[in-house]
Amino acid sequence: IQPQTETAEAAVQRDIQHYMRPGTLQLGSLPPLSLYV
């Protein structure tokens, strides 16, 4: 959970870094993207 003092911009940057950090999977390419509303 974000600390109350964190700016929205900083939170977005932190989240991107969280998703992009090294991991156990190796996906050479990303699949097609759809949007559900």
PDB file of all heavy atoms in Angstrom:
ATOM      1  N   ILE A   1       0.840  -1.196   0.000  1.00  0.00           N
ATOM      2  CA  ILE A   1       0.000   0.000   0.000  1.00  0.00           C
ATOM      3  C   ILE A   1       0.876   1.246   0.000  1.00  0.00           C
ATOM      4  O   ILE A   1       1.901   1.308   0.688  1.00  0.00           O
ATOM      5  CB  ILE A   1      -0.924  -0.002   1.232  1.00  0.00           C
ATOM      6  CG1 ILE A   1      -1.892  -1.195   1.139  1.00  0.00           C
ATOM      7  CG2 ILE A   1      -1.688   1.301   1.369  1.00  0.00           C
ATOM      8  CD1 ILE A   1      -2.756  -1.368   2.352  1.00  0.00           C
ATOM      9  N   GLN A   2       0.487   2.259  -0.766  1.00  0.00           N
ATOM     10  CA  GLN A   2       1.263   3.476  -0.860  1.00  0.00           C
ATOM     11  C   GLN A   2       1.242   4.235   0.463  1.00  0.00           C
ATOM     12  O   GLN A   2       0.197   4.359   1.095  1.00  0.00           O
ATOM     13  CB  GLN A   2       0.678   4.396  -1.935  1.00  0.00           C
ATOM     14  CG  GLN A   2       0.603   3.779  -3.311  1.00  0.00           C
ATOM     15  CD  GLN A   2      -0.151   4.684  -4.249  1.00  0.00           C
ATOM     16  OE1 GLN A   2      -0.275   5.873  -4.018  1.00  0.00           O
ATOM     17  NE2 GLN A   2      -0.674   4.116  -5.314  1.00  0.00           N
ATOM     18  N   PRO A   3       2.364   4.782   0.885  1.00  0.00           N
ATOM     19  CA  PRO A   3       2.341   5.683   2.040  1.00  0.00           C
ATOM     20  C   PRO A   3       1.572   6.947   1.700  1.00  0.00           C
ATOM     21  O   PRO A   3       1.546   7.378   0.549  1.00  0.00           O
ATOM     22  CB  PRO A   3       3.828   5.971   2.285  1.00  0.00           C
ATOM     23  CG  PRO A   3       4.511   5.656   0.995  1.00  0.00           C
ATOM     24  CD  PRO A   3       3.716   4.567   0.364  1.00  0.00           C
ATOM     25  N   GLN A   4       0.942   7.546   2.674  1.00  0.00           N
ATOM     26  CA  GLN A   4       0.090   8.692   2.429  1.00  0.00           C
ATOM     27  C   GLN A   4       0.849   9.874   1.837  1.00  0.00           C
ATOM     28  O   GLN A   4       0.283  10.699   1.138  1.00  0.00           O
ATOM     29  CB  GLN A   4      -0.598   9.115   3.743  1.00  0.00           C
ATOM     30  CG  GLN A   4      -1.603   8.098   4.263  1.00  0.00           C
ATOM     31  CD  GLN A   4      -2.755   7.904   3.304  1.00  0.00           C
ATOM     32  OE1 GLN A   4      -3.332   8.874   2.821  1.00  0.00           O
ATOM     33  NE2 GLN A   4      -3.092   6.657   3.005  1.00  0.00           N
ATOM     34  N   THR A   5       2.140   9.981   2.126  1.00  0.00           N
ATOM     35  CA  THR A   5       2.907  11.126   1.665  1.00  0.00           C
ATOM     36  C   THR A   5       3.446  10.961   0.253  1.00  0.00           C
ATOM     37  O   THR A   5       3.989  11.887  -0.318  1.00  0.00           O
ATOM     38  CB  THR A   5       4.101  11.375   2.607  1.00  0.00           C
ATOM     39  OG1 THR A   5       4.891  10.178   2.662  1.00  0.00           O
ATOM     40  CG2 THR A   5       3.621  11.717   4.010  1.00  0.00           C
ATOM     41  N   GLU A   6       3.278   9.778  -0.358  1.00  0.00           N
ATOM     42  CA  GLU A   6       3.825   9.527  -1.680  1.00  0.00           C
ATOM     43  C   GLU A   6       3.003  10.246  -2.737  1.00  0.00           C
ATOM     44  O   GLU A   6       1.776  10.209  -2.731  1.00  0.00           O
ATOM     45  CB  GLU A   6       3.819   8.025  -1.954  1.00  0.00           C
ATOM     46  CG  GLU A   6       4.509   7.640  -3.247  1.00  0.00           C
ATOM     47  CD  GLU A   6       4.556   6.125  -3.429  1.00  0.00           C
ATOM     48  OE1 GLU A   6       3.594   5.461  -3.009  1.00  0.00           O
ATOM     49  OE2 GLU A   6       5.538   5.628  -3.973  1.00  0.00           O
ATOM     50  N   THR A   7       3.674  10.914  -3.678  1.00  0.00           N
ATOM     51  CA  THR A   7       2.959  11.592  -4.752  1.00  0.00           C
ATOM     52  C   THR A   7       2.443  10.569  -5.753  1.00  0.00           C
ATOM     53  O   THR A   7       2.952   9.449  -5.849  1.00  0.00           O
ATOM     54  CB  THR A   7       3.874  12.588  -5.480  1.00  0.00           C
ATOM     55  OG1 THR A   7       4.898  11.855  -6.153  1.00  0.00           O
ATOM     56  CG2 THR A   7       4.483  13.580  -4.516  1.00  0.00           C
ATOM     57  N   ALA A   8       1.413  10.955  -6.535  1.00  0.00           N
ATOM     58  CA  ALA A   8       0.863  10.053  -7.546  1.00  0.00           C
ATOM     59  C   ALA A   8       1.925   9.682  -8.569  1.00  0.00           C
ATOM     60  O   ALA A   8       2.017   8.528  -8.995  1.00  0.00           O
ATOM     61  CB  ALA A   8      -0.328  10.717  -8.228  1.00  0.00           C
ATOM     62  N   GLU A   9       2.758  10.667  -8.957  1.00  0.00           N
ATOM     63  CA  GLU A   9       3.803  10.394  -9.943  1.00  0.00           C
ATOM     64  C   GLU A   9       4.811   9.383  -9.411  1.00  0.00           C
ATOM     65  O   GLU A   9       5.239   8.467 -10.119  1.00  0.00           O
ATOM     66  CB  GLU A   9       4.519  11.689 -10.334  1.00  0.00           C
ATOM     67  CG  GLU A   9       3.664  12.676 -11.114  1.00  0.00           C
ATOM     68  CD  GLU A   9       2.711  13.482 -10.237  1.00  0.00           C
ATOM     69  OE1 GLU A   9       2.771  13.346  -9.004  1.00  0.00           O
ATOM     70  OE2 GLU A   9       1.905  14.235 -10.801  1.00  0.00           O
ATOM     71  N   ALA A  10       5.180   9.530  -8.151  1.00  0.00           N
ATOM     72  CA  ALA A  10       6.141   8.602  -7.548  1.00  0.00           C
ATOM     73  C   ALA A  10       5.543   7.208  -7.427  1.00  0.00           C
ATOM     74  O   ALA A  10       6.231   6.202  -7.631  1.00  0.00           O
ATOM     75  CB  ALA A  10       6.574   9.113  -6.169  1.00  0.00           C
ATOM     76  N   ALA A  11       4.249   7.139  -7.115  1.00  0.00           N
ATOM     77  CA  ALA A  11       3.585   5.839  -6.983  1.00  0.00           C
ATOM     78  C   ALA A  11       3.573   5.116  -8.319  1.00  0.00           C
ATOM     79  O   ALA A  11       3.823   3.907  -8.392  1.00  0.00           O
ATOM     80  CB  ALA A  11       2.162   6.031  -6.465  1.00  0.00           C
ATOM     81  N   VAL A  12       3.276   5.848  -9.406  1.00  0.00           N
ATOM     82  CA  VAL A  12       3.266   5.237 -10.724  1.00  0.00           C
ATOM     83  C   VAL A  12       4.644   4.707 -11.076  1.00  0.00           C
ATOM     84  O   VAL A  12       4.800   3.580 -11.570  1.00  0.00           O
ATOM     85  CB  VAL A  12       2.783   6.256 -11.790  1.00  0.00           C
ATOM     86  CG1 VAL A  12       3.059   5.734 -13.187  1.00  0.00           C
ATOM     87  CG2 VAL A  12       1.300   6.552 -11.615  1.00  0.00           C
ATOM     88  N   GLN A  13       5.672   5.503 -10.825  1.00  0.00           N
ATOM     89  CA  GLN A  13       7.028   5.070 -11.145  1.00  0.00           C
ATOM     90  C   GLN A  13       7.424   3.846 -10.334  1.00  0.00           C
ATOM     91  O   GLN A  13       8.038   2.907 -10.847  1.00  0.00           O
ATOM     92  CB  GLN A  13       8.012   6.215 -10.874  1.00  0.00           C
ATOM     93  CG  GLN A  13       9.444   5.918 -11.306  1.00  0.00           C
ATOM     94  CD  GLN A  13       9.557   5.635 -12.796  1.00  0.00           C
ATOM     95  OE1 GLN A  13       8.894   6.268 -13.616  1.00  0.00           O
ATOM     96  NE2 GLN A  13      10.377   4.665 -13.162  1.00  0.00           N
ATOM     97  N   ARG A  14       7.027   3.820  -9.048  1.00  0.00           N
ATOM     98  CA  ARG A  14       7.336   2.660  -8.202  1.00  0.00           C
ATOM     99  C   ARG A  14       6.644   1.413  -8.739  1.00  0.00           C
ATOM    100  O   ARG A  14       7.218   0.328  -8.793  1.00  0.00           O
ATOM    101  CB  ARG A  14       6.893   2.930  -6.760  1.00  0.00           C
ATOM    102  CG  ARG A  14       7.054   1.722  -5.834  1.00  0.00           C
ATOM    103  CD  ARG A  14       6.454   1.988  -4.471  1.00  0.00           C
ATOM    104  NE  ARG A  14       5.085   2.422  -4.551  1.00  0.00           N
ATOM    105  CZ  ARG A  14       4.056   1.600  -4.804  1.00  0.00           C
ATOM    106  NH1 ARG A  14       4.278   0.334  -5.017  1.00  0.00           N
ATOM    107  NH2 ARG A  14       2.821   2.069  -4.849  1.00  0.00           N
ATOM    108  N   ASP A  15       5.371   1.568  -9.149  1.00  0.00           N
ATOM    109  CA  ASP A  15       4.628   0.425  -9.656  1.00  0.00           C
ATOM    110  C   ASP A  15       5.258  -0.130 -10.924  1.00  0.00           C
ATOM    111  O   ASP A  15       5.351  -1.346 -11.105  1.00  0.00           O
ATOM    112  CB  ASP A  15       3.173   0.819  -9.922  1.00  0.00           C
ATOM    113  CG  ASP A  15       2.386   1.010  -8.624  1.00  0.00           C
ATOM    114  OD1 ASP A  15       2.931   0.669  -7.561  1.00  0.00           O
ATOM    115  OD2 ASP A  15       1.248   1.494  -8.691  1.00  0.00           O
ATOM    116  N   ILE A  16       5.685   0.755 -11.832  1.00  0.00           N
ATOM    117  CA  ILE A  16       6.324   0.297 -13.061  1.00  0.00           C
ATOM    118  C   ILE A  16       7.581  -0.491 -12.732  1.00  0.00           C
ATOM    119  O   ILE A  16       7.841  -1.560 -13.295  1.00  0.00           O
ATOM    120  CB  ILE A  16       6.654   1.501 -13.975  1.00  0.00           C
ATOM    121  CG1 ILE A  16       5.363   2.172 -14.443  1.00  0.00           C
ATOM    122  CG2 ILE A  16       7.463   1.043 -15.181  1.00  0.00           C
ATOM    123  CD1 ILE A  16       5.587   3.486 -15.160  1.00  0.00           C
ATOM    124  N   GLN A  17       8.375   0.026 -11.817  1.00  0.00           N
ATOM    125  CA  GLN A  17       9.599  -0.680 -11.414  1.00  0.00           C
ATOM    126  C   GLN A  17       9.271  -2.034 -10.797  1.00  0.00           C
ATOM    127  O   GLN A  17       9.989  -3.014 -11.007  1.00  0.00           O
ATOM    128  CB  GLN A  17      10.393   0.188 -10.426  1.00  0.00           C
ATOM    129  CG  GLN A  17      10.971   1.445 -11.047  1.00  0.00           C
ATOM    130  CD  GLN A  17      11.565   2.387 -10.018  1.00  0.00           C
ATOM    131  OE1 GLN A  17      11.385   2.197  -8.806  1.00  0.00           O
ATOM    132  NE2 GLN A  17      12.261   3.414 -10.475  1.00  0.00           N
ATOM    133  N   HIS A  18       8.167  -2.101 -10.056  1.00  0.00           N
ATOM    134  CA  HIS A  18       7.749  -3.364  -9.445  1.00  0.00           C
ATOM    135  C   HIS A  18       7.447  -4.411 -10.517  1.00  0.00           C
ATOM    136  O   HIS A  18       7.870  -5.560 -10.426  1.00  0.00           O
ATOM    137  CB  HIS A  18       6.520  -3.115  -8.579  1.00  0.00           C
ATOM    138  CG  HIS A  18       5.879  -4.364  -8.041  1.00  0.00           C
ATOM    139  ND1 HIS A  18       6.306  -4.973  -6.881  1.00  0.00           N
ATOM    140  CD2 HIS A  18       4.861  -5.121  -8.512  1.00  0.00           C
ATOM    141  CE1 HIS A  18       5.569  -6.049  -6.665  1.00  0.00           C
ATOM    142  NE2 HIS A  18       4.681  -6.169  -7.634  1.00  0.00           N
ATOM    143  N   TYR A  19       6.717  -4.018 -11.543  1.00  0.00           N
ATOM    144  CA  TYR A  19       6.345  -4.957 -12.598  1.00  0.00           C
ATOM    145  C   TYR A  19       7.539  -5.357 -13.461  1.00  0.00           C
ATOM    146  O   TYR A  19       7.571  -6.471 -13.994  1.00  0.00           O
ATOM    147  CB  TYR A  19       5.260  -4.355 -13.492  1.00  0.00           C
ATOM    148  CG  TYR A  19       3.933  -4.143 -12.801  1.00  0.00           C
ATOM    149  CD1 TYR A  19       3.415  -2.859 -12.636  1.00  0.00           C
ATOM    150  CD2 TYR A  19       3.195  -5.217 -12.309  1.00  0.00           C
ATOM    151  CE1 TYR A  19       2.199  -2.658 -11.998  1.00  0.00           C
ATOM    152  CE2 TYR A  19       1.981  -5.017 -11.679  1.00  0.00           C
ATOM    153  CZ  TYR A  19       1.489  -3.736 -11.527  1.00  0.00           C
ATOM    154  OH  TYR A  19       0.289  -3.541 -10.902  1.00  0.00           O
ATOM    155  N   MET A  20       8.500  -4.456 -13.637  1.00  0.00           N
ATOM    156  CA  MET A  20       9.589  -4.692 -14.575  1.00  0.00           C
ATOM    157  C   MET A  20      10.813  -5.329 -13.935  1.00  0.00           C
ATOM    158  O   MET A  20      11.788  -5.634 -14.626  1.00  0.00           O
ATOM    159  CB  MET A  20       9.999  -3.372 -15.235  1.00  0.00           C
ATOM    160  CG  MET A  20       8.897  -2.712 -16.045  1.00  0.00           C
ATOM    161  SD  MET A  20       8.171  -3.821 -17.295  1.00  0.00           S
ATOM    162  CE  MET A  20       9.596  -4.033 -18.379  1.00  0.00           C
ATOM    163  N   ARG A  21      10.795  -5.593 -12.626  1.00  0.00           N
ATOM    164  CA  ARG A  21      11.983  -6.160 -11.975  1.00  0.00           C
ATOM    165  C   ARG A  21      12.231  -7.590 -12.479  1.00  0.00           C
ATOM    166  O   ARG A  21      11.318  -8.236 -13.007  1.00  0.00           O
ATOM    167  CB  ARG A  21      11.816  -6.134 -10.461  1.00  0.00           C
ATOM    168  CG  ARG A  21      10.825  -7.163  -9.925  1.00  0.00           C
ATOM    169  CD  ARG A  21      10.464  -6.921  -8.465  1.00  0.00           C
ATOM    170  NE  ARG A  21       9.734  -8.054  -7.904  1.00  0.00           N
ATOM    171  CZ  ARG A  21       8.460  -8.317  -8.130  1.00  0.00           C
ATOM    172  NH1 ARG A  21       7.748  -7.544  -8.927  1.00  0.00           N
ATOM    173  NH2 ARG A  21       7.886  -9.369  -7.555  1.00  0.00           N
ATOM    174  N   PRO A  22      13.454  -8.121 -12.314  1.00  0.00           N
ATOM    175  CA  PRO A  22      13.763  -9.492 -12.752  1.00  0.00           C
ATOM    176  C   PRO A  22      12.863 -10.518 -12.064  1.00  0.00           C
ATOM    177  O   PRO A  22      12.396 -10.310 -10.944  1.00  0.00           O
ATOM    178  CB  PRO A  22      15.228  -9.668 -12.335  1.00  0.00           C
ATOM    179  CG  PRO A  22      15.774  -8.282 -12.283  1.00  0.00           C
ATOM    180  CD  PRO A  22      14.652  -7.419 -11.786  1.00  0.00           C
ATOM    181  N   GLY A  23      12.607 -11.645 -12.768  1.00  0.00           N
ATOM    182  CA  GLY A  23      11.768 -12.700 -12.212  1.00  0.00           C
ATOM    183  C   GLY A  23      12.107 -14.041 -12.829  1.00  0.00           C
ATOM    184  O   GLY A  23      13.080 -14.168 -13.573  1.00  0.00           O
ATOM    185  N   THR A  24      11.282 -15.034 -12.534  1.00  0.00           N
ATOM    186  CA  THR A  24      11.585 -16.408 -12.961  1.00  0.00           C
ATOM    187  C   THR A  24      11.124 -16.701 -14.381  1.00  0.00           C
ATOM    188  O   THR A  24      11.575 -17.670 -14.989  1.00  0.00           O
ATOM    189  CB  THR A  24      10.924 -17.416 -12.010  1.00  0.00           C
ATOM    190  OG1 THR A  24       9.504 -17.207 -12.014  1.00  0.00           O
ATOM    191  CG2 THR A  24      11.444 -17.247 -10.589  1.00  0.00           C
ATOM    192  N   LEU A  25      10.203 -15.914 -14.936  1.00  0.00           N
ATOM    193  CA  LEU A  25       9.715 -16.160 -16.290  1.00  0.00           C
ATOM    194  C   LEU A  25      10.550 -15.405 -17.315  1.00  0.00           C
ATOM    195  O   LEU A  25      11.157 -14.383 -17.003  1.00  0.00           O
ATOM    196  CB  LEU A  25       8.252 -15.718 -16.424  1.00  0.00           C
ATOM    197  CG  LEU A  25       7.232 -16.386 -15.499  1.00  0.00           C
ATOM    198  CD1 LEU A  25       5.834 -15.859 -15.814  1.00  0.00           C
ATOM    199  CD2 LEU A  25       7.268 -17.897 -15.641  1.00  0.00           C
ATOM    200  N   GLN A  26      10.561 -15.921 -18.542  1.00  0.00           N
ATOM    201  CA  GLN A  26      11.248 -15.255 -19.654  1.00  0.00           C
ATOM    202  C   GLN A  26      10.286 -15.187 -20.836  1.00  0.00           C
ATOM    203  O   GLN A  26      10.141 -16.142 -21.579  1.00  0.00           O
ATOM    204  CB  GLN A  26      12.523 -16.027 -20.043  1.00  0.00           C
ATOM    205  CG  GLN A  26      13.569 -16.123 -18.936  1.00  0.00           C
ATOM    206  CD  GLN A  26      14.179 -14.770 -18.590  1.00  0.00           C
ATOM    207  OE1 GLN A  26      14.306 -13.902 -19.439  1.00  0.00           O
ATOM    208  NE2 GLN A  26      14.557 -14.604 -17.330  1.00  0.00           N
ATOM    209  N   LEU A  27       9.585 -14.048 -20.979  1.00  0.00           N
ATOM    210  CA  LEU A  27       8.664 -13.858 -22.101  1.00  0.00           C
ATOM    211  C   LEU A  27       9.373 -13.029 -23.165  1.00  0.00           C
ATOM    212  O   LEU A  27       9.669 -11.851 -22.959  1.00  0.00           O
ATOM    213  CB  LEU A  27       7.384 -13.154 -21.650  1.00  0.00           C
ATOM    214  CG  LEU A  27       6.285 -14.044 -21.039  1.00  0.00           C
ATOM    215  CD1 LEU A  27       6.718 -14.570 -19.682  1.00  0.00           C
ATOM    216  CD2 LEU A  27       4.981 -13.286 -20.911  1.00  0.00           C
ATOM    217  N   GLY A  28       9.660 -13.672 -24.305  1.00  0.00           N
ATOM    218  CA  GLY A  28      10.387 -12.991 -25.365  1.00  0.00           C
ATOM    219  C   GLY A  28       9.576 -11.909 -26.045  1.00  0.00           C
ATOM    220  O   GLY A  28      10.120 -10.936 -26.571  1.00  0.00           O
ATOM    221  N   SER A  29       8.241 -12.055 -26.057  1.00  0.00           N
ATOM    222  CA  SER A  29       7.361 -11.059 -26.658  1.00  0.00           C
ATOM    223  C   SER A  29       6.042 -11.062 -25.899  1.00  0.00           C
ATOM    224  O   SER A  29       5.728 -12.020 -25.188  1.00  0.00           O
ATOM    225  CB  SER A  29       7.123 -11.369 -28.140  1.00  0.00           C
ATOM    226  OG  SER A  29       6.492 -12.637 -28.293  1.00  0.00           O
ATOM    227  N   LEU A  30       5.287  -9.992 -26.049  1.00  0.00           N
ATOM    228  CA  LEU A  30       4.018  -9.875 -25.344  1.00  0.00           C
ATOM    229  C   LEU A  30       2.866 -10.254 -26.280  1.00  0.00           C
ATOM    230  O   LEU A  30       2.914  -9.978 -27.477  1.00  0.00           O
ATOM    231  CB  LEU A  30       3.829  -8.452 -24.827  1.00  0.00           C
ATOM    232  CG  LEU A  30       4.912  -7.947 -23.865  1.00  0.00           C
ATOM    233  CD1 LEU A  30       4.579  -6.533 -23.399  1.00  0.00           C
ATOM    234  CD2 LEU A  30       5.069  -8.875 -22.670  1.00  0.00           C
ATOM    235  N   PRO A  31       1.805 -10.870 -25.747  1.00  0.00           N
ATOM    236  CA  PRO A  31       0.670 -11.285 -26.592  1.00  0.00           C
ATOM    237  C   PRO A  31      -0.191 -10.097 -26.975  1.00  0.00           C
ATOM    238  O   PRO A  31       0.002  -8.981 -26.460  1.00  0.00           O
ATOM    239  CB  PRO A  31      -0.091 -12.254 -25.679  1.00  0.00           C
ATOM    240  CG  PRO A  31       0.190 -11.752 -24.295  1.00  0.00           C
ATOM    241  CD  PRO A  31       1.615 -11.255 -24.336  1.00  0.00           C
ATOM    242  N   PRO A  32      -1.168 -10.291 -27.865  1.00  0.00           N
ATOM    243  CA  PRO A  32      -2.096  -9.203 -28.206  1.00  0.00           C
ATOM    244  C   PRO A  32      -2.826  -8.698 -26.960  1.00  0.00           C
ATOM    245  O   PRO A  32      -3.059  -9.450 -26.002  1.00  0.00           O
ATOM    246  CB  PRO A  32      -3.066  -9.854 -29.186  1.00  0.00           C
ATOM    247  CG  PRO A  32      -2.317 -11.001 -29.764  1.00  0.00           C
ATOM    248  CD  PRO A  32      -1.436 -11.500 -28.660  1.00  0.00           C
ATOM    249  N   LEU A  33      -3.176  -7.415 -26.986  1.00  0.00           N
ATOM    250  CA  LEU A  33      -3.835  -6.762 -25.853  1.00  0.00           C
ATOM    251  C   LEU A  33      -5.263  -6.375 -26.221  1.00  0.00           C
ATOM    252  O   LEU A  33      -5.508  -5.777 -27.269  1.00  0.00           O
ATOM    253  CB  LEU A  33      -3.058  -5.511 -25.441  1.00  0.00           C
ATOM    254  CG  LEU A  33      -3.675  -4.650 -24.332  1.00  0.00           C
ATOM    255  CD1 LEU A  33      -3.677  -5.404 -22.993  1.00  0.00           C
ATOM    256  CD2 LEU A  33      -2.917  -3.325 -24.199  1.00  0.00           C
ATOM    257  N   SER A  34      -6.207  -6.722 -25.348  1.00  0.00           N
ATOM    258  CA  SER A  34      -7.608  -6.322 -25.491  1.00  0.00           C
ATOM    259  C   SER A  34      -8.000  -5.455 -24.299  1.00  0.00           C
ATOM    260  O   SER A  34      -7.311  -5.431 -23.270  1.00  0.00           O
ATOM    261  CB  SER A  34      -8.510  -7.553 -25.565  1.00  0.00           C
ATOM    262  OG  SER A  34      -8.248  -8.321 -26.724  1.00  0.00           O
ATOM    263  N   LEU A  35      -9.121  -4.766 -24.445  1.00  0.00           N
ATOM    264  CA  LEU A  35      -9.656  -3.936 -23.361  1.00  0.00           C
ATOM    265  C   LEU A  35     -11.067  -4.399 -23.043  1.00  0.00           C
ATOM    266  O   LEU A  35     -11.908  -4.529 -23.942  1.00  0.00           O
ATOM    267  CB  LEU A  35      -9.680  -2.459 -23.768  1.00  0.00           C
ATOM    268  CG  LEU A  35     -10.313  -1.502 -22.732  1.00  0.00           C
ATOM    269  CD1 LEU A  35      -9.392  -1.329 -21.529  1.00  0.00           C
ATOM    270  CD2 LEU A  35     -10.633  -0.143 -23.356  1.00  0.00           C
ATOM    271  N   TYR A  36     -11.339  -4.657 -21.762  1.00  0.00           N
ATOM    272  CA  TYR A  36     -12.689  -4.986 -21.314  1.00  0.00           C
ATOM    273  C   TYR A  36     -13.213  -3.819 -20.481  1.00  0.00           C
ATOM    274  O   TYR A  36     -12.513  -3.316 -19.590  1.00  0.00           O
ATOM    275  CB  TYR A  36     -12.703  -6.277 -20.489  1.00  0.00           C
ATOM    276  CG  TYR A  36     -14.073  -6.572 -19.922  1.00  0.00           C
ATOM    277  CD1 TYR A  36     -15.066  -7.119 -20.732  1.00  0.00           C
ATOM    278  CD2 TYR A  36     -14.389  -6.274 -18.599  1.00  0.00           C
ATOM    279  CE1 TYR A  36     -16.340  -7.360 -20.232  1.00  0.00           C
ATOM    280  CE2 TYR A  36     -15.657  -6.516 -18.092  1.00  0.00           C
ATOM    281  CZ  TYR A  36     -16.627  -7.063 -18.907  1.00  0.00           C
ATOM    282  OH  TYR A  36     -17.893  -7.282 -18.416  1.00  0.00           O
ATOM    283  N   VAL A  37     -14.433  -3.388 -20.752  1.00  0.00           N
ATOM    284  CA  VAL A  37     -15.070  -2.287 -20.022  1.00  0.00           C
ATOM    285  C   VAL A  37     -16.342  -2.822 -19.382  1.00  0.00           C
ATOM    286  O   VAL A  37     -17.255  -3.284 -20.080  1.00  0.00           O
ATOM    287  CB  VAL A  37     -15.417  -1.117 -20.966  1.00  0.00           C
ATOM    288  CG1 VAL A  37     -15.998   0.047 -20.157  1.00  0.00           C
ATOM    289  CG2 VAL A  37     -14.182  -0.667 -21.749  1.00  0.00           C
TER     290      VAL A  37
END
